[in-house]
Protein backbone atom coordinates (compact mmCIF):
# COMPACT_ATOMS: atom_id res chain seq x y z
CA ILE A 1 2.99 -20.88 -10.22
CA ASN A 2 1.70 -24.45 -11.13
CA GLN A 3 -1.03 -24.20 -13.26
CA GLN A 4 -0.45 -27.80 -14.52
CA LYS A 5 -1.44 -29.49 -11.26
CA ASN A 6 -5.18 -26.51 -11.19
CA ILE A 7 -3.70 -24.99 -8.30
CA PRO A 8 -5.49 -22.01 -7.89
CA PHE A 9 -3.86 -18.40 -7.37
CA ALA A 10 -4.27 -14.83 -5.88
CA ILE A 11 -2.80 -12.15 -7.76
CA PHE A 12 -0.15 -10.75 -5.16
CA SER A 13 -0.80 -6.96 -5.93
CA GLU A 14 -4.58 -6.39 -4.66
CA PRO A 15 -6.79 -7.58 -1.58
CA TRP A 16 -7.60 -10.92 -2.00
CA ASN A 17 -11.46 -10.15 -1.57
CA ASP A 18 -10.88 -8.07 -4.74
CA GLN A 19 -10.37 -11.12 -7.08
CA SER A 20 -12.39 -14.63 -8.22
CA ILE A 21 -9.82 -17.13 -6.78
CA ASP A 22 -10.91 -20.28 -8.21
CA GLU A 23 -14.15 -18.67 -9.19
CA LYS A 24 -14.92 -18.14 -5.00
CA GLU A 25 -15.50 -14.83 -3.13
CA LEU A 26 -13.80 -14.63 -0.42
CA PRO A 27 -14.40 -12.90 2.69
CA GLY A 28 -12.18 -10.06 3.42
CA THR A 29 -10.86 -11.35 6.97
CA GLY A 30 -8.53 -14.38 7.29
CA TYR A 31 -4.89 -15.13 6.36
CA ALA A 32 -2.89 -16.21 3.29
CA THR A 33 0.57 -17.19 2.09
CA TYR A 34 1.81 -15.23 -1.19
CA ALA A 35 5.08 -16.59 -2.66
CA ALA A 36 6.83 -15.13 -5.68
CA GLU A 37 10.41 -16.17 -7.40
CA ILE A 38 11.74 -13.51 -9.47
CA ILE A 39 14.54 -13.98 -11.36
CA LEU A 40 16.85 -11.08 -11.36
CA PRO A 41 19.58 -9.81 -14.66
CA ARG A 42 23.22 -9.92 -13.65
CA GLY A 43 25.29 -7.16 -11.73
CA MET A 44 22.42 -6.40 -9.17
CA ASP A 45 23.89 -5.14 -6.36
CA SER A 46 21.42 -2.98 -3.99
CA LEU A 47 17.77 -3.39 -4.92
CA ALA A 48 14.84 -2.39 -2.67
CA LEU A 49 11.27 -3.34 -2.11
CA GLU A 50 8.28 -1.31 -1.83
CA ILE A 51 5.72 -3.12 0.76
CA PRO A 52 2.06 -0.80 0.33
CA ALA A 53 0.12 -0.44 3.10
CA VAL A 54 -1.01 -3.94 4.29
CA TYR A 55 -4.63 -5.31 5.43
CA ASN A 56 -3.54 -5.61 8.67
CA SER A 57 -0.57 -7.36 8.92
CA TYR A 58 2.20 -9.46 7.35
CA ALA A 59 5.63 -10.97 7.66
CA LEU A 60 7.90 -10.90 4.68
CA TRP A 61 10.49 -13.54 4.10
CA VAL A 62 13.26 -12.95 1.11
CA ASN A 63 15.65 -16.08 0.50
CA GLY A 64 14.59 -17.38 3.79
CA THR A 65 15.43 -14.38 5.98
CA LEU A 66 12.71 -12.55 7.66
CA LYS A 67 12.96 -8.43 6.18
CA SER A 68 10.00 -7.17 7.21
CA VAL A 69 6.88 -7.53 9.70
CA ASN A 70 4.11 -5.19 10.43
CA GLY A 71 2.09 -6.05 13.11
CA LYS A 72 1.73 -9.88 14.36
CA VAL A 73 0.53 -12.13 11.66
CA GLY A 74 -2.15 -14.56 13.37
CA THR A 75 -4.47 -17.76 12.03
CA ALA A 76 -7.25 -15.92 14.57
CA ALA A 77 -8.24 -12.70 15.66
CA GLU A 78 -6.72 -13.44 19.12
CA GLU A 79 -3.43 -13.86 17.61
CA GLU A 80 -2.98 -10.96 15.43
CA LEU A 81 -1.77 -7.47 16.18
CA PRO A 82 -2.68 -5.01 13.13
CA GLU A 83 -0.28 -2.10 11.98
CA TRP A 84 -0.62 -0.59 9.02
CA LYS A 85 2.20 1.37 7.59
CA PRO A 86 4.26 1.01 4.30
CA LYS A 87 8.04 0.16 4.54
CA THR A 88 10.94 0.42 2.11
CA ILE A 89 13.25 -2.05 2.52
CA GLU A 90 16.78 -2.57 1.05
CA LEU A 91 18.17 -5.81 -0.17
CA GLN A 92 21.82 -5.64 -0.14
CA SER A 93 23.55 -8.43 -2.46
CA PRO A 94 20.22 -10.37 -3.52
CA GLY A 95 21.84 -12.27 -6.01
CA ASP A 96 20.30 -13.81 -9.03
CA THR A 97 17.31 -15.48 -7.79
CA LEU A 98 14.84 -13.38 -4.82
CA ARG A 99 12.50 -15.91 -3.41
CA LEU A 100 9.66 -13.76 -1.28
CA VAL A 101 7.12 -15.58 1.02
CA PHE A 102 4.57 -13.13 2.02
CA HIS A 103 2.58 -14.07 5.31
CA VAL A 104 -0.53 -12.10 5.63
CA SER A 105 -3.34 -11.65 8.04
CA ASN A 106 -6.37 -9.81 8.57
CA PHE A 107 -9.25 -9.97 11.13
CA GLN A 108 -10.24 -6.42 11.79
CA THR A 109 -11.18 -4.69 8.03
CA ALA A 110 -13.08 -5.34 5.22
CA LYS A 111 -10.11 -6.19 2.72
CA GLY A 112 -7.50 -8.36 3.45
CA GLY A 113 -4.00 -8.18 1.93
CA PRO A 114 -1.85 -5.92 0.04
CA ALA A 115 -3.25 -2.45 -0.40
CA SER A 116 -1.61 -1.88 -3.71
CA ALA A 117 1.38 -3.61 -6.03
CA ILE A 118 4.74 -4.22 -4.15
CA ARG A 119 7.45 -1.97 -6.24
CA LEU A 120 10.77 -3.62 -6.75
CA GLY A 121 13.60 -1.55 -7.87
CA THR A 122 16.84 0.11 -7.46
CA THR A 123 17.50 1.41 -3.96
CA GLU A 124 18.01 5.04 -5.53
CA GLY A 125 15.01 4.72 -8.11
CA LEU A 126 12.54 3.50 -5.53
CA LYS A 127 13.93 6.72 -2.75
CA SER A 128 13.73 9.45 -5.65
CA MET A 129 9.87 7.97 -6.21
CA ASN A 130 9.27 8.28 -2.36
CA VAL A 131 10.61 12.07 -2.40
CA ILE A 132 8.50 12.66 -5.55
CA HIS A 133 5.10 11.42 -3.91
CA LYS A 134 6.09 13.05 -0.66
CA LEU A 135 6.86 16.70 -2.40
CA SER A 136 3.64 16.05 -5.15
CA SER A 137 1.24 15.63 -2.02
CA ARG A 138 2.19 18.27 -0.18
CA TRP A 139 1.61 20.70 -3.14
CA VAL A 140 -1.85 19.19 -3.56
CA ILE A 141 -2.75 19.84 -0.01
CA VAL A 142 -1.42 23.17 -0.06
CA PHE A 143 -3.07 23.64 -3.39
CA PHE A 144 -6.47 22.24 -1.66
CA ILE A 145 -5.60 24.93 1.03
CA LEU A 146 -5.46 27.90 -1.26
CA ILE A 147 -8.62 27.23 -3.10
CA SER A 148 -10.06 26.80 0.52
CA ILE A 149 -9.10 30.43 1.06
CA THR A 150 -9.94 31.71 -2.16
CA PHE A 151 -13.45 30.69 -2.41
CA LEU A 152 -13.49 31.85 1.36
CA ILE A 153 -12.83 35.02 0.57
CA VAL A 154 -14.60 35.18 -2.76
CA PHE A 155 -17.88 34.04 -0.30
CA ILE A 156 -16.86 37.30 2.03
CA LEU A 157 -16.44 39.99 -0.79
CA THR A 158 -19.01 38.90 -3.00
CA ALA A 159 -23.03 38.23 -2.33
CA ARG A 160 -22.67 35.65 -0.05
CA TYR A 161 -23.53 32.53 -2.18
CA THR A 162 -23.82 29.83 0.06
CA MET A 163 -22.31 27.47 -2.97
CA LEU A 164 -19.04 29.27 -2.56
CA LEU A 165 -18.92 28.71 1.07
CA TYR A 166 -19.57 24.38 0.70
CA PHE A 167 -17.07 24.67 -1.89
CA SER A 168 -14.58 26.43 0.17
CA GLY A 169 -15.41 23.79 3.03
CA LEU A 170 -15.35 20.86 0.25
CA ALA A 171 -11.45 21.72 -0.47
CA LEU A 172 -10.59 22.46 3.17
CA ALA A 173 -12.09 18.74 3.70
CA PHE A 174 -10.14 17.44 0.98
CA ALA A 175 -6.69 19.16 2.12
CA LEU A 176 -7.58 17.82 5.32
CA ARG A 177 -8.09 14.11 4.09
CA LEU A 178 -4.73 14.32 2.33
CA LEU A 179 -3.09 15.38 5.47
CA PHE A 180 -3.94 12.86 7.67
CA SER A 181 -3.63 9.90 5.43
């Protein structure tokens, strides 16, 4: 970031139209290039980057090498091929500095750029976090299904208050939303 030349910049970890850049609001559609240089501590043999879902396509270059692509980045809607898939990529022997260049384009949705933060960590640490995230997501889905079934049974066995049926349906809707997202 070169603040001496008054160059405006965007935060890497959130959609560009959720930010005020150079006191201007940007539209959700368009394209952008993010760049970052990260100085690593000594002795980092294996690192990983966890890339969230990005609105709507991206190409990530690490130290001059294309490491990850999601869809096809373009400067117009006709050139872009959207894809919405989070990834974790491993970086073997990254050296002492990571130079990231992140090309992003979006011509389909109301937001543009990363949906959340890109995480940098050890390969094992990020894999552990992914396992914990998947297990906790499954437990939450099971919890909402059990709540739905419980309130449906209470509805059937009691005075049939419609509020219980609505709550059962709401819990089931949450479970389905979590299951398919």
